[in-house]
Amino acid sequence: MHLSEQEVADLVRRLHRVEGQIRGIAGMLEDGRECRDVATQFAAATQALRRAGYQFVSQTLAHCLTEPETAADEGYSPEELERLFLRL
């Protein structure tokens, strides 16, 4: 399924934010920052990436519901959609 330009732009923005968080974590490690501070940032980056993944799958599910014939033609059966969701 193809996402709209706006949906793609939003997901890319989220991923760039996560990328920045990861660079920040690397810097914290290099600077010898406190364990609890680093762990907090790991948790924040993990959650941000998870939310981006959920948003992506949610948008795909929405498109499949509104365009069931196209979804079926592209191999997005209900079972495949469930597998995609459960991967997250």
N, C-alpha and C. Protein backbone atom coordinates (compact mmCIF):
# COMPACT_ATOMS: atom_id res chain seq x y z
N MET A 1 0.85 -1.18 0.00
CA MET A 1 0.00 0.00 0.00
C MET A 1 0.89 1.24 0.00
N HIS A 2 0.43 2.22 -0.68
CA HIS A 2 1.19 3.47 -0.77
C HIS A 2 0.61 4.50 0.18
N LEU A 3 1.48 5.13 0.94
CA LEU A 3 1.05 6.18 1.87
C LEU A 3 1.05 7.51 1.14
N SER A 4 0.28 8.44 1.65
CA SER A 4 0.25 9.78 1.07
C SER A 4 1.58 10.48 1.37
N GLU A 5 1.83 11.53 0.62
CA GLU A 5 3.06 12.30 0.85
C GLU A 5 3.12 12.84 2.27
N GLN A 6 1.98 13.28 2.78
CA GLN A 6 1.92 13.82 4.15
C GLN A 6 2.22 12.73 5.18
N GLU A 7 1.68 11.54 4.97
CA GLU A 7 1.94 10.43 5.89
C GLU A 7 3.41 10.05 5.88
N VAL A 8 3.99 9.99 4.69
CA VAL A 8 5.41 9.66 4.57
C VAL A 8 6.25 10.74 5.25
N ALA A 9 5.91 12.01 4.99
CA ALA A 9 6.67 13.12 5.59
C ALA A 9 6.62 13.06 7.11
N ASP A 10 5.45 12.75 7.65
CA ASP A 10 5.32 12.67 9.11
C ASP A 10 6.16 11.53 9.67
N LEU A 11 6.12 10.38 9.02
CA LEU A 11 6.92 9.25 9.49
C LEU A 11 8.41 9.55 9.39
N VAL A 12 8.83 10.18 8.30
CA VAL A 12 10.24 10.52 8.13
C VAL A 12 10.68 11.50 9.21
N ARG A 13 9.83 12.48 9.53
CA ARG A 13 10.14 13.43 10.62
C ARG A 13 10.35 12.67 11.93
N ARG A 14 9.46 11.75 12.22
CA ARG A 14 9.58 10.97 13.45
C ARG A 14 10.89 10.18 13.47
N LEU A 15 11.22 9.59 12.34
CA LEU A 15 12.45 8.79 12.27
C LEU A 15 13.69 9.66 12.40
N HIS A 16 13.65 10.87 11.86
CA HIS A 16 14.79 11.78 12.02
C HIS A 16 14.96 12.17 13.49
N ARG A 17 13.82 12.33 14.19
CA ARG A 17 13.90 12.63 15.61
C ARG A 17 14.54 11.47 16.38
N VAL A 18 14.14 10.25 16.03
CA VAL A 18 14.72 9.07 16.68
C VAL A 18 16.21 9.01 16.36
N GLU A 19 16.56 9.29 15.12
CA GLU A 19 17.97 9.30 14.73
C GLU A 19 18.76 10.29 15.59
N GLY A 20 18.19 11.46 15.83
CA GLY A 20 18.84 12.44 16.70
C GLY A 20 18.97 11.94 18.12
N GLN A 21 17.94 11.25 18.59
CA GLN A 21 18.01 10.69 19.95
C GLN A 21 19.13 9.66 20.04
N ILE A 22 19.28 8.84 19.02
CA ILE A 22 20.32 7.81 19.02
C ILE A 22 21.70 8.46 19.03
N ARG A 23 21.87 9.50 18.20
CA ARG A 23 23.15 10.22 18.22
C ARG A 23 23.40 10.82 19.60
N GLY A 24 22.35 11.33 20.22
CA GLY A 24 22.48 11.88 21.57
C GLY A 24 22.91 10.83 22.57
N ILE A 25 22.35 9.64 22.45
CA ILE A 25 22.73 8.54 23.35
C ILE A 25 24.21 8.19 23.15
N ALA A 26 24.63 8.12 21.90
CA ALA A 26 26.04 7.82 21.63
C ALA A 26 26.94 8.87 22.27
N GLY A 27 26.55 10.12 22.15
CA GLY A 27 27.33 11.19 22.77
C GLY A 27 27.36 11.07 24.28
N MET A 28 26.22 10.71 24.86
CA MET A 28 26.16 10.53 26.32
C MET A 28 27.11 9.42 26.76
N LEU A 29 27.13 8.33 26.00
CA LEU A 29 28.03 7.23 26.34
C LEU A 29 29.48 7.67 26.24
N GLU A 30 29.80 8.37 25.17
CA GLU A 30 31.17 8.85 24.97
C GLU A 30 31.59 9.82 26.08
N ASP A 31 30.63 10.58 26.58
CA ASP A 31 30.91 11.55 27.64
C ASP A 31 30.91 10.92 29.03
N GLY A 32 30.55 9.62 29.11
CA GLY A 32 30.54 8.95 30.40
C GLY A 32 29.39 9.37 31.29
N ARG A 33 28.26 9.69 30.69
CA ARG A 33 27.11 10.15 31.48
C ARG A 33 26.57 9.06 32.38
N GLU A 34 25.85 9.48 33.38
CA GLU A 34 25.24 8.62 34.39
C GLU A 34 24.35 7.56 33.74
N CYS A 35 24.43 6.35 34.25
CA CYS A 35 23.69 5.20 33.72
C CYS A 35 22.19 5.49 33.62
N ARG A 36 21.60 6.06 34.69
CA ARG A 36 20.15 6.26 34.67
C ARG A 36 19.76 7.26 33.61
N ASP A 37 20.61 8.26 33.33
CA ASP A 37 20.31 9.23 32.27
C ASP A 37 20.34 8.56 30.90
N VAL A 38 21.34 7.73 30.69
CA VAL A 38 21.48 7.03 29.40
C VAL A 38 20.31 6.06 29.22
N ALA A 39 19.99 5.31 30.26
CA ALA A 39 18.89 4.34 30.19
C ALA A 39 17.57 5.04 29.88
N THR A 40 17.37 6.22 30.47
CA THR A 40 16.15 6.99 30.20
C THR A 40 16.07 7.36 28.73
N GLN A 41 17.18 7.74 28.15
CA GLN A 41 17.20 8.12 26.73
C GLN A 41 17.01 6.90 25.83
N PHE A 42 17.58 5.76 26.22
CA PHE A 42 17.32 4.53 25.47
C PHE A 42 15.83 4.23 25.45
N ALA A 43 15.19 4.35 26.61
CA ALA A 43 13.75 4.08 26.70
C ALA A 43 12.96 5.05 25.83
N ALA A 44 13.34 6.32 25.84
CA ALA A 44 12.63 7.32 25.04
C ALA A 44 12.78 7.04 23.55
N ALA A 45 13.99 6.69 23.12
CA ALA A 45 14.22 6.41 21.71
C ALA A 45 13.48 5.15 21.28
N THR A 46 13.50 4.14 22.14
CA THR A 46 12.79 2.90 21.83
C THR A 46 11.30 3.16 21.67
N GLN A 47 10.73 3.93 22.60
CA GLN A 47 9.31 4.24 22.54
C GLN A 47 8.97 5.06 21.30
N ALA A 48 9.81 6.01 20.95
CA ALA A 48 9.57 6.84 19.77
C ALA A 48 9.60 5.99 18.50
N LEU A 49 10.53 5.07 18.41
CA LEU A 49 10.61 4.19 17.25
C LEU A 49 9.41 3.26 17.19
N ARG A 50 9.01 2.74 18.34
CA ARG A 50 7.84 1.87 18.41
C ARG A 50 6.59 2.61 17.94
N ARG A 51 6.44 3.85 18.39
CA ARG A 51 5.26 4.63 17.99
C ARG A 51 5.26 4.91 16.49
N ALA A 52 6.41 5.16 15.91
CA ALA A 52 6.49 5.36 14.46
C ALA A 52 6.08 4.08 13.74
N GLY A 53 6.52 2.95 14.23
CA GLY A 53 6.13 1.67 13.63
C GLY A 53 4.64 1.43 13.72
N TYR A 54 4.07 1.72 14.87
CA TYR A 54 2.62 1.58 15.03
C TYR A 54 1.86 2.52 14.10
N GLN A 55 2.36 3.73 13.97
CA GLN A 55 1.71 4.68 13.08
C GLN A 55 1.75 4.17 11.64
N PHE A 56 2.91 3.65 11.23
CA PHE A 56 3.05 3.12 9.88
C PHE A 56 2.06 1.98 9.63
N VAL A 57 2.02 1.01 10.54
CA VAL A 57 1.11 -0.12 10.36
C VAL A 57 -0.34 0.34 10.44
N SER A 58 -0.65 1.26 11.31
CA SER A 58 -2.01 1.79 11.42
C SER A 58 -2.45 2.45 10.11
N GLN A 59 -1.57 3.23 9.52
CA GLN A 59 -1.90 3.88 8.25
C GLN A 59 -2.09 2.84 7.15
N THR A 60 -1.26 1.81 7.15
CA THR A 60 -1.40 0.74 6.17
C THR A 60 -2.74 0.03 6.36
N LEU A 61 -3.10 -0.26 7.60
CA LEU A 61 -4.38 -0.91 7.89
C LEU A 61 -5.54 -0.04 7.41
N ALA A 62 -5.46 1.25 7.67
CA ALA A 62 -6.53 2.17 7.24
C ALA A 62 -6.68 2.15 5.73
N HIS A 63 -5.57 2.17 5.02
CA HIS A 63 -5.64 2.13 3.55
C HIS A 63 -6.23 0.81 3.07
N CYS A 64 -5.87 -0.27 3.74
CA CYS A 64 -6.40 -1.58 3.35
C CYS A 64 -7.90 -1.67 3.58
N LEU A 65 -8.36 -1.03 4.64
CA LEU A 65 -9.80 -1.03 4.91
C LEU A 65 -10.58 -0.19 3.92
N THR A 66 -9.98 0.90 3.48
CA THR A 66 -10.69 1.78 2.54
C THR A 66 -10.54 1.33 1.09
N GLU A 67 -9.52 0.50 0.82
CA GLU A 67 -9.27 0.00 -0.54
C GLU A 67 -9.02 -1.51 -0.50
N PRO A 68 -10.04 -2.29 -0.13
CA PRO A 68 -9.82 -3.72 0.08
C PRO A 68 -9.39 -4.48 -1.18
N GLU A 69 -9.89 -4.08 -2.35
CA GLU A 69 -9.49 -4.78 -3.57
C GLU A 69 -8.01 -4.56 -3.87
N THR A 70 -7.57 -3.31 -3.74
CA THR A 70 -6.16 -2.99 -3.96
C THR A 70 -5.29 -3.74 -2.95
N ALA A 71 -5.73 -3.75 -1.70
CA ALA A 71 -4.98 -4.46 -0.65
C ALA A 71 -4.85 -5.93 -0.99
N ALA A 72 -5.93 -6.55 -1.41
CA ALA A 72 -5.90 -7.97 -1.77
C ALA A 72 -4.97 -8.21 -2.96
N ASP A 73 -5.05 -7.33 -3.95
CA ASP A 73 -4.18 -7.46 -5.13
C ASP A 73 -2.70 -7.36 -4.76
N GLU A 74 -2.39 -6.58 -3.73
CA GLU A 74 -1.01 -6.38 -3.31
C GLU A 74 -0.57 -7.39 -2.25
N GLY A 75 -1.45 -8.35 -1.93
CA GLY A 75 -1.08 -9.41 -0.99
C GLY A 75 -1.31 -9.09 0.47
N TYR A 76 -2.11 -8.07 0.74
CA TYR A 76 -2.39 -7.70 2.13
C TYR A 76 -3.71 -8.32 2.57
N SER A 77 -3.66 -9.62 2.81
CA SER A 77 -4.83 -10.32 3.33
C SER A 77 -4.98 -9.95 4.80
N PRO A 78 -6.15 -10.23 5.38
CA PRO A 78 -6.29 -9.98 6.82
C PRO A 78 -5.23 -10.70 7.65
N GLU A 79 -4.86 -11.90 7.23
CA GLU A 79 -3.84 -12.67 7.96
C GLU A 79 -2.47 -11.98 7.86
N GLU A 80 -2.14 -11.50 6.68
CA GLU A 80 -0.86 -10.80 6.50
C GLU A 80 -0.83 -9.52 7.31
N LEU A 81 -1.92 -8.79 7.35
CA LEU A 81 -1.99 -7.56 8.14
C LEU A 81 -1.82 -7.86 9.63
N GLU A 82 -2.41 -8.95 10.07
CA GLU A 82 -2.24 -9.34 11.47
C GLU A 82 -0.78 -9.66 11.76
N ARG A 83 -0.12 -10.39 10.85
CA ARG A 83 1.30 -10.71 11.04
C ARG A 83 2.14 -9.43 11.10
N LEU A 84 1.84 -8.46 10.23
CA LEU A 84 2.57 -7.19 10.25
C LEU A 84 2.42 -6.50 11.60
N PHE A 85 1.19 -6.45 12.08
CA PHE A 85 0.92 -5.80 13.36
C PHE A 85 1.65 -6.51 14.50
N LEU A 86 1.60 -7.83 14.50
CA LEU A 86 2.21 -8.58 15.60
C LEU A 86 3.73 -8.53 15.59
N ARG A 87 4.32 -8.18 14.48
CA ARG A 87 5.78 -8.02 14.42
C ARG A 87 6.25 -6.87 15.31
N LEU A 88 5.38 -5.91 15.50
CA LEU A 88 5.75 -4.77 16.32
C LEU A 88 5.65 -5.13 17.79
